[in-house]
C-alpha atoms as a PDB file:
ATOM      1  CA  MET A   1      24.608 -14.977 -24.277  1.00  0.00           C
ATOM      2  CA  PRO A   2      25.804 -11.586 -24.103  1.00  0.00           C
ATOM      3  CA  HIS A   3      28.577 -10.049 -26.382  1.00  0.00           C
ATOM      4  CA  PRO A   4      31.718 -10.819 -24.446  1.00  0.00           C
ATOM      5  CA  THR A   5      32.645  -7.196 -24.507  1.00  0.00           C
ATOM      6  CA  GLU A   6      29.442  -6.435 -22.509  1.00  0.00           C
ATOM      7  CA  LYS A   7      30.772  -4.944 -19.086  1.00  0.00           C
ATOM      8  CA  LEU A   8      28.919  -5.013 -15.674  1.00  0.00           C
ATOM      9  CA  LEU A   9      29.854  -3.295 -12.747  1.00  0.00           C
ATOM     10  CA  VAL A  10      28.711  -4.786  -9.052  1.00  0.00           C
ATOM     11  CA  LEU A  11      28.800  -2.195  -6.273  1.00  0.00           C
ATOM     12  CA  GLY A  12      29.635  -4.087  -3.164  1.00  0.00           C
ATOM     13  CA  GLY A  13      30.747  -7.384  -5.076  1.00  0.00           C
ATOM     14  CA  ASN A  14      32.861  -8.486  -2.087  1.00  0.00           C
ATOM     15  CA  GLY A  15      29.892  -8.985  -0.006  1.00  0.00           C
ATOM     16  CA  PHE A  16      27.423 -12.056   0.813  1.00  0.00           C
ATOM     17  CA  VAL A  17      25.237 -11.224  -2.125  1.00  0.00           C
ATOM     18  CA  GLY A  18      27.533  -9.403  -4.326  1.00  0.00           C
ATOM     19  CA  SER A  19      30.329 -12.149  -4.600  1.00  0.00           C
ATOM     20  CA  HIS A  20      27.559 -14.648  -5.786  1.00  0.00           C
ATOM     21  CA  ILE A  21      26.223 -11.845  -8.303  1.00  0.00           C
ATOM     22  CA  CYS A  22      30.065 -11.420  -9.467  1.00  0.00           C
ATOM     23  CA  LYS A  23      30.222 -15.186 -10.153  1.00  0.00           C
ATOM     24  CA  GLU A  24      27.030 -15.532 -11.976  1.00  0.00           C
ATOM     25  CA  ALA A  25      27.929 -12.796 -14.181  1.00  0.00           C
ATOM     26  CA  LEU A  26      31.499 -14.516 -14.871  1.00  0.00           C
ATOM     27  CA  ASN A  27      29.351 -17.566 -15.776  1.00  0.00           C
ATOM     28  CA  HIS A  28      27.516 -15.527 -18.594  1.00  0.00           C
ATOM     29  CA  GLY A  29      30.804 -14.409 -20.127  1.00  0.00           C
ATOM     30  CA  LEU A  30      30.635 -10.825 -18.827  1.00  0.00           C
ATOM     31  CA  THR A  31      33.555  -8.432 -17.980  1.00  0.00           C
ATOM     32  CA  VAL A  32      32.891  -7.940 -14.585  1.00  0.00           C
ATOM     33  CA  THR A  33      34.193  -5.267 -12.389  1.00  0.00           C
ATOM     34  CA  SER A  34      33.356  -4.312  -8.676  1.00  0.00           C
ATOM     35  CA  LEU A  35      33.602  -1.157  -6.627  1.00  0.00           C
ATOM     36  CA  SER A  36      33.709  -0.863  -2.844  1.00  0.00           C
ATOM     37  CA  ARG A  37      35.235   1.161  -0.232  1.00  0.00           C
ATOM     38  CA  SER A  38      37.776  -1.648   0.642  1.00  0.00           C
ATOM     39  CA  GLY A  39      38.424  -2.491  -3.215  1.00  0.00           C
ATOM     40  CA  ARG A  40      39.455  -6.082  -3.769  1.00  0.00           C
ATOM     41  CA  SER A  41      37.713  -8.868  -2.263  1.00  0.00           C
ATOM     42  CA  ALA A  42      39.436 -10.532   0.690  1.00  0.00           C
ATOM     43  CA  LEU A  43      38.338 -13.976  -0.646  1.00  0.00           C
ATOM     44  CA  SER A  44      40.974 -16.316  -1.896  1.00  0.00           C
ATOM     45  CA  ASP A  45      38.569 -18.010  -4.306  1.00  0.00           C
ATOM     46  CA  SER A  46      39.890 -18.267  -7.981  1.00  0.00           C
ATOM     47  CA  TRP A  47      36.728 -16.432  -9.322  1.00  0.00           C
ATOM     48  CA  ALA A  48      37.910 -13.374  -7.672  1.00  0.00           C
ATOM     49  CA  ASP A  49      41.158 -13.053  -9.907  1.00  0.00           C
ATOM     50  CA  ASN A  50      38.655 -12.594 -12.911  1.00  0.00           C
ATOM     51  CA  ILE A  51      37.134  -9.732 -11.562  1.00  0.00           C
ATOM     52  CA  VAL A  52      38.595  -5.914 -12.109  1.00  0.00           C
ATOM     53  CA  TRP A  53      38.633  -4.458  -8.371  1.00  0.00           C
ATOM     54  CA  HIS A  54      38.122  -0.559  -7.981  1.00  0.00           C
ATOM     55  CA  GLN A  55      38.175   1.249  -4.707  1.00  0.00           C
ATOM     56  CA  GLY A  56      35.657   4.212  -3.994  1.00  0.00           C
ATOM     57  CA  ASP A  57      32.954   5.519  -1.873  1.00  0.00           C
ATOM     58  CA  LEU A  58      29.590   6.085  -2.967  1.00  0.00           C
ATOM     59  CA  LEU A  59      29.239   8.878  -0.911  1.00  0.00           C
ATOM     60  CA  SER A  60      31.801  10.712  -2.918  1.00  0.00           C
ATOM     61  CA  PRO A  61      30.542  10.301  -6.382  1.00  0.00           C
ATOM     62  CA  ASP A  62      33.476  11.938  -8.024  1.00  0.00           C
ATOM     63  CA  SER A  63      35.635   8.744  -6.542  1.00  0.00           C
ATOM     64  CA  ILE A  64      33.271   6.417  -8.680  1.00  0.00           C
ATOM     65  CA  LYS A  65      33.410   7.706 -11.974  1.00  0.00           C
ATOM     66  CA  HIS A  66      36.321   5.847 -13.062  1.00  0.00           C
ATOM     67  CA  ALA A  67      34.849   2.624 -12.512  1.00  0.00           C
ATOM     68  CA  LEU A  68      31.624   3.519 -14.633  1.00  0.00           C
ATOM     69  CA  ARG A  69      33.610   4.131 -17.944  1.00  0.00           C
ATOM     70  CA  GLY A  70      32.669   1.751 -20.400  1.00  0.00           C
ATOM     71  CA  VAL A  71      29.893   0.175 -18.406  1.00  0.00           C
ATOM     72  CA  ASN A  72      26.877  -1.419 -19.889  1.00  0.00           C
ATOM     73  CA  SER A  73      24.969  -2.186 -16.694  1.00  0.00           C
ATOM     74  CA  VAL A  74      25.279  -1.654 -12.871  1.00  0.00           C
ATOM     75  CA  ILE A  75      24.250  -3.936 -10.086  1.00  0.00           C
ATOM     76  CA  SER A  76      24.229  -2.582  -6.463  1.00  0.00           C
ATOM     77  CA  CYS A  77      24.078  -4.564  -3.455  1.00  0.00           C
ATOM     78  CA  VAL A  78      25.250  -1.649  -1.203  1.00  0.00           C
ATOM     79  CA  GLY A  79      23.504  -1.456   2.231  1.00  0.00           C
ATOM     80  CA  GLY A  80      23.956  -1.746   5.858  1.00  0.00           C
ATOM     81  CA  PHE A  81      22.248  -1.690   9.505  1.00  0.00           C
ATOM     82  CA  GLY A  82      23.084   0.704  12.181  1.00  0.00           C
ATOM     83  CA  SER A  83      21.573   3.938  13.580  1.00  0.00           C
ATOM     84  CA  ASN A  84      18.684   5.370  11.523  1.00  0.00           C
ATOM     85  CA  SER A  85      20.681   7.909  10.060  1.00  0.00           C
ATOM     86  CA  HIS A  86      23.662   5.648   9.055  1.00  0.00           C
ATOM     87  CA  MET A  87      21.158   3.158   7.534  1.00  0.00           C
ATOM     88  CA  TYR A  88      19.606   6.147   5.424  1.00  0.00           C
ATOM     89  CA  LYS A  89      23.041   7.239   4.445  1.00  0.00           C
ATOM     90  CA  ILE A  90      24.306   3.619   3.370  1.00  0.00           C
ATOM     91  CA  ASN A  91      20.814   2.304   1.866  1.00  0.00           C
ATOM     92  CA  GLY A  92      19.548   5.797   0.352  1.00  0.00           C
ATOM     93  CA  SER A  93      22.323   8.120  -0.327  1.00  0.00           C
ATOM     94  CA  ALA A  94      24.889   6.228  -1.475  1.00  0.00           C
ATOM     95  CA  ASN A  95      22.690   4.488  -3.916  1.00  0.00           C
ATOM     96  CA  ILE A  96      20.994   7.433  -5.124  1.00  0.00           C
ATOM     97  CA  ASN A  97      24.678   8.518  -5.753  1.00  0.00           C
ATOM     98  CA  ALA A  98      25.273   5.698  -7.806  1.00  0.00           C
ATOM     99  CA  VAL A  99      22.320   5.891  -9.689  1.00  0.00           C
ATOM    100  CA  SER A 100      22.874   9.452 -10.475  1.00  0.00           C
ATOM    101  CA  ALA A 101      26.273   8.887 -11.619  1.00  0.00           C
ATOM    102  CA  ALA A 102      25.449   5.894 -13.714  1.00  0.00           C
ATOM    103  CA  ALA A 103      22.889   7.993 -15.756  1.00  0.00           C
ATOM    104  CA  GLU A 104      25.390  10.551 -16.315  1.00  0.00           C
ATOM    105  CA  GLU A 105      27.792   8.243 -17.665  1.00  0.00           C
ATOM    106  CA  GLY A 106      25.400   6.700 -19.999  1.00  0.00           C
ATOM    107  CA  VAL A 107      24.820   3.360 -18.231  1.00  0.00           C
ATOM    108  CA  LYS A 108      21.664   1.433 -19.992  1.00  0.00           C
ATOM    109  CA  ARG A 109      20.476  -0.820 -17.248  1.00  0.00           C
ATOM    110  CA  PHE A 110      20.555  -0.621 -13.490  1.00  0.00           C
ATOM    111  CA  VAL A 111      19.579  -3.176 -11.005  1.00  0.00           C
ATOM    112  CA  TYR A 112      19.117  -2.499  -7.183  1.00  0.00           C
ATOM    113  CA  ILE A 113      18.709  -5.068  -4.642  1.00  0.00           C
ATOM    114  CA  SER A 114      16.072  -3.449  -2.294  1.00  0.00           C
ATOM    115  CA  ALA A 115      14.228  -5.160   0.395  1.00  0.00           C
ATOM    116  CA  ALA A 116      10.445  -6.773   0.892  1.00  0.00           C
ATOM    117  CA  ASP A 117       8.155  -4.860   3.027  1.00  0.00           C
ATOM    118  CA  PHE A 118       7.831  -6.529   6.646  1.00  0.00           C
ATOM    119  CA  GLY A 119       5.209  -4.097   7.851  1.00  0.00           C
ATOM    120  CA  VAL A 120       6.218  -3.329  11.477  1.00  0.00           C
ATOM    121  CA  VAL A 121       9.923  -4.096  10.910  1.00  0.00           C
ATOM    122  CA  ASN A 122       9.864  -1.408   8.579  1.00  0.00           C
ATOM    123  CA  TYR A 123       9.213   0.979  11.100  1.00  0.00           C
ATOM    124  CA  LEU A 124      11.632  -0.241  13.795  1.00  0.00           C
ATOM    125  CA  LEU A 125      14.287   0.198  11.037  1.00  0.00           C
ATOM    126  CA  ARG A 126      13.220   3.382   9.351  1.00  0.00           C
ATOM    127  CA  GLY A 127      16.455   4.489   8.088  1.00  0.00           C
ATOM    128  CA  TYR A 128      16.914   1.084   6.424  1.00  0.00           C
ATOM    129  CA  TYR A 129      13.531   1.113   4.544  1.00  0.00           C
ATOM    130  CA  GLU A 130      13.278   4.845   3.816  1.00  0.00           C
ATOM    131  CA  GLY A 131      16.757   4.689   2.052  1.00  0.00           C
ATOM    132  CA  LYS A 132      15.692   1.647   0.114  1.00  0.00           C
ATOM    133  CA  ARG A 133      12.303   3.278  -1.148  1.00  0.00           C
ATOM    134  CA  ALA A 134      14.105   6.557  -1.862  1.00  0.00           C
ATOM    135  CA  THR A 135      16.634   4.783  -3.917  1.00  0.00           C
ATOM    136  CA  GLU A 136      13.758   3.191  -5.922  1.00  0.00           C
ATOM    137  CA  VAL A 137      12.152   6.314  -6.527  1.00  0.00           C
ATOM    138  CA  GLN A 138      15.580   7.808  -7.914  1.00  0.00           C
ATOM    139  CA  LEU A 139      16.119   4.819 -10.027  1.00  0.00           C
ATOM    140  CA  MET A 140      12.643   4.813 -11.823  1.00  0.00           C
ATOM    141  CA  ASN A 141      13.373   8.830 -12.346  1.00  0.00           C
ATOM    142  CA  LYS A 142      16.734   8.209 -13.838  1.00  0.00           C
ATOM    143  CA  PHE A 143      16.057   4.609 -15.484  1.00  0.00           C
ATOM    144  CA  PRO A 144      12.513   4.585 -16.438  1.00  0.00           C
ATOM    145  CA  TYR A 145      13.113   1.648 -19.099  1.00  0.00           C
ATOM    146  CA  GLY A 146      16.184  -0.010 -17.550  1.00  0.00           C
ATOM    147  CA  GLY A 147      15.616   0.349 -13.706  1.00  0.00           C
ATOM    148  CA  ILE A 148      14.849  -2.953 -11.814  1.00  0.00           C
ATOM    149  CA  PHE A 149      14.790  -3.402  -8.257  1.00  0.00           C
ATOM    150  CA  LEU A 150      14.524  -6.700  -6.560  1.00  0.00           C
ATOM    151  CA  ARG A 151      12.708  -6.995  -3.087  1.00  0.00           C
ATOM    152  CA  PRO A 152      13.682 -10.256  -1.642  1.00  0.00           C
ATOM    153  CA  GLY A 153      12.994 -10.921   2.184  1.00  0.00           C
ATOM    154  CA  PHE A 154      15.680 -12.787   4.260  1.00  0.00           C
ATOM    155  CA  ILE A 155      18.621 -13.944   1.819  1.00  0.00           C
ATOM    156  CA  HIS A 156      19.682 -17.548   2.845  1.00  0.00           C
ATOM    157  CA  GLY A 157      22.818 -19.412   1.468  1.00  0.00           C
ATOM    158  CA  THR A 158      26.357 -20.024   2.690  1.00  0.00           C
ATOM    159  CA  ARG A 159      27.843 -16.788   3.869  1.00  0.00           C
ATOM    160  CA  ARG A 160      31.761 -16.343   4.775  1.00  0.00           C
ATOM    161  CA  VAL A 161      32.212 -14.617   8.221  1.00  0.00           C
ATOM    162  CA  GLY A 162      36.090 -14.291   8.409  1.00  0.00           C
ATOM    163  CA  SER A 163      37.433 -17.929   7.965  1.00  0.00           C
ATOM    164  CA  MET A 164      33.908 -19.555   8.871  1.00  0.00           C
ATOM    165  CA  ASN A 165      31.119 -20.522   6.547  1.00  0.00           C
ATOM    166  CA  LEU A 166      27.865 -19.683   8.152  1.00  0.00           C
ATOM    167  CA  PRO A 167      24.959 -22.130   6.669  1.00  0.00           C
ATOM    168  CA  LEU A 168      22.025 -19.612   6.572  1.00  0.00           C
ATOM    169  CA  SER A 169      20.324 -22.181   4.434  1.00  0.00           C
ATOM    170  CA  LEU A 170      19.857 -24.763   7.250  1.00  0.00           C
ATOM    171  CA  ILE A 171      16.909 -22.295   8.573  1.00  0.00           C
ATOM    172  CA  GLY A 172      16.145 -20.438   5.306  1.00  0.00           C
ATOM    173  CA  ALA A 173      15.572 -23.064   2.878  1.00  0.00           C
ATOM    174  CA  PRO A 174      12.895 -25.262   4.971  1.00  0.00           C
ATOM    175  CA  LEU A 175      11.145 -21.755   5.797  1.00  0.00           C
ATOM    176  CA  GLU A 176      11.452 -21.016   2.103  1.00  0.00           C
ATOM    177  CA  MET A 177       9.616 -24.307   0.937  1.00  0.00           C
ATOM    178  CA  ILE A 178       6.971 -23.854   3.648  1.00  0.00           C
ATOM    179  CA  LEU A 179       6.066 -20.082   3.222  1.00  0.00           C
ATOM    180  CA  SER A 180       6.228 -20.028  -0.514  1.00  0.00           C
ATOM    181  CA  HIS A 181       3.209 -22.207  -0.787  1.00  0.00           C
ATOM    182  CA  ALA A 182       1.370 -19.884   1.603  1.00  0.00           C
ATOM    183  CA  ARG A 183       1.164 -16.642   0.174  1.00  0.00           C
ATOM    184  CA  LEU A 184      -2.295 -15.676   1.401  1.00  0.00           C
ATOM    185  CA  LEU A 185      -0.952 -15.900   4.787  1.00  0.00           C
ATOM    186  CA  THR A 186       0.978 -12.516   3.859  1.00  0.00           C
ATOM    187  CA  HIS A 187      -2.157 -10.660   3.940  1.00  0.00           C
ATOM    188  CA  ILE A 188      -3.035 -11.321   7.370  1.00  0.00           C
ATOM    189  CA  PRO A 189      -2.604  -7.958   9.202  1.00  0.00           C
ATOM    190  CA  ILE A 190       0.373  -6.855  11.332  1.00  0.00           C
ATOM    191  CA  ILE A 191       1.811 -10.398  11.271  1.00  0.00           C
ATOM    192  CA  GLY A 192       1.432 -11.128   7.643  1.00  0.00           C
ATOM    193  CA  PRO A 193       4.240  -9.225   6.012  1.00  0.00           C
ATOM    194  CA  LEU A 194       6.520 -11.328   8.538  1.00  0.00           C
ATOM    195  CA  LEU A 195       5.486 -14.586   6.836  1.00  0.00           C
ATOM    196  CA  ILE A 196       7.222 -13.255   3.357  1.00  0.00           C
ATOM    197  CA  PRO A 197       9.233 -16.411   2.322  1.00  0.00           C
ATOM    198  CA  PRO A 198      13.437 -16.423   2.398  1.00  0.00           C
ATOM    199  CA  VAL A 199      15.022 -16.616  -0.903  1.00  0.00           C
ATOM    200  CA  ASN A 200      18.390 -18.511  -2.051  1.00  0.00           C
ATOM    201  CA  VAL A 201      21.228 -16.059  -2.455  1.00  0.00           C
ATOM    202  CA  THR A 202      21.801 -18.055  -5.907  1.00  0.00           C
ATOM    203  CA  SER A 203      18.326 -17.264  -7.082  1.00  0.00           C
ATOM    204  CA  VAL A 204      18.956 -13.654  -6.381  1.00  0.00           C
ATOM    205  CA  ALA A 205      22.105 -13.592  -8.275  1.00  0.00           C
ATOM    206  CA  LYS A 206      20.697 -15.385 -11.281  1.00  0.00           C
ATOM    207  CA  VAL A 207      17.932 -12.963 -11.294  1.00  0.00           C
ATOM    208  CA  ALA A 208      19.814  -9.872 -10.863  1.00  0.00           C
ATOM    209  CA  VAL A 209      22.115 -10.836 -13.734  1.00  0.00           C
ATOM    210  CA  LYS A 210      19.474 -11.552 -15.973  1.00  0.00           C
ATOM    211  CA  ALA A 211      17.790  -8.427 -15.513  1.00  0.00           C
ATOM    212  CA  ALA A 212      21.033  -6.567 -15.829  1.00  0.00           C
ATOM    213  CA  ILE A 213      21.719  -8.284 -19.348  1.00  0.00           C
ATOM    214  CA  ASP A 214      18.404  -8.938 -20.882  1.00  0.00           C
ATOM    215  CA  PRO A 215      17.041  -5.607 -22.641  1.00  0.00           C
ATOM    216  CA  THR A 216      13.355  -7.338 -22.593  1.00  0.00           C
ATOM    217  CA  PHE A 217      13.345  -7.874 -18.855  1.00  0.00           C
ATOM    218  CA  PRO A 218      10.687  -5.596 -17.715  1.00  0.00           C
ATOM    219  CA  PRO A 219      11.487  -2.089 -15.551  1.00  0.00           C
ATOM    220  CA  GLY A 220      10.345  -1.943 -11.924  1.00  0.00           C
ATOM    221  CA  ILE A 221       9.564  -4.105  -8.836  1.00  0.00           C
ATOM    222  CA  VAL A 222      10.698  -7.818  -8.794  1.00  0.00           C
ATOM    223  CA  ASP A 223       9.081  -9.143  -5.129  1.00  0.00           C
ATOM    224  CA  VAL A 224      10.533 -12.551  -3.686  1.00  0.00           C
ATOM    225  CA  TYR A 225       7.918 -14.505  -5.891  1.00  0.00           C
ATOM    226  CA  GLY A 226       9.202 -13.161  -9.033  1.00  0.00           C
ATOM    227  CA  ILE A 227      12.459 -13.651  -8.009  1.00  0.00           C
ATOM    228  CA  ARG A 228      11.902 -17.626  -7.599  1.00  0.00           C
ATOM    229  CA  GLN A 229       9.852 -17.831 -10.685  1.00  0.00           C
ATOM    230  CA  SER A 230      12.556 -16.048 -12.559  1.00  0.00           C
ATOM    231  CA  SER A 231      15.394 -17.920 -11.195  1.00  0.00           C
ATOM    232  CA  GLN A 232      13.759 -21.098 -12.366  1.00  0.00           C
ATOM    233  CA  HIS A 233      14.055 -20.092 -16.039  1.00  0.00           C
ATOM    234  CA  VAL A 234      17.480 -18.475 -16.134  1.00  0.00           C
ATOM    235  CA  SER A 235      20.520 -21.008 -17.175  1.00  0.00           C
ATOM    236  CA  SER A 236      24.142 -20.107 -16.744  1.00  0.00           C
END
């Protein structure tokens, strides 16, 4: 159990993955803060009242320094889709700025939610994947002993879209069960990478928080199989 004064900053904590990470961190007794361009989450859930919400833009690094004060570890869930230039800016430049700012402020550990390699999809979404990988390189440069990047595939769970709950697990959970036992299929040329199993958002949240607070958690890549395995050994 972490010391109650241990402070975690979640970048993008009002999103699908970020909100689950915030809830998981609160379950561990952490002091949890979050930063995003919109600030406080629009969610009316009671857990949101226990988060300190900051507003800032990772593309303007000076606007996020206040949120990094006294922070022990950072988890970034920031990402997005659009044109290749926009995707590189959001997935790459914004997160690269965050990694640099965190290192300058003396943050000990930095966890980044990256993405699995999907082969041909990487080419179709070049800006997305080039941005993700550029952030990984920066993370290893700035946090060689405390930088961890998770590479999940499709993340499923119940996703809030406006006032509606979108049950992504109706598709994701059966696929995860089937494909997780067919790892050799991912080595098939061209189509193999498309068969990487989905992973539940709760598993991603559990491993991200563990990586952020456990000094024995090894730095570097955690692929989807590592996420599934590690999450089974985490208790909230």
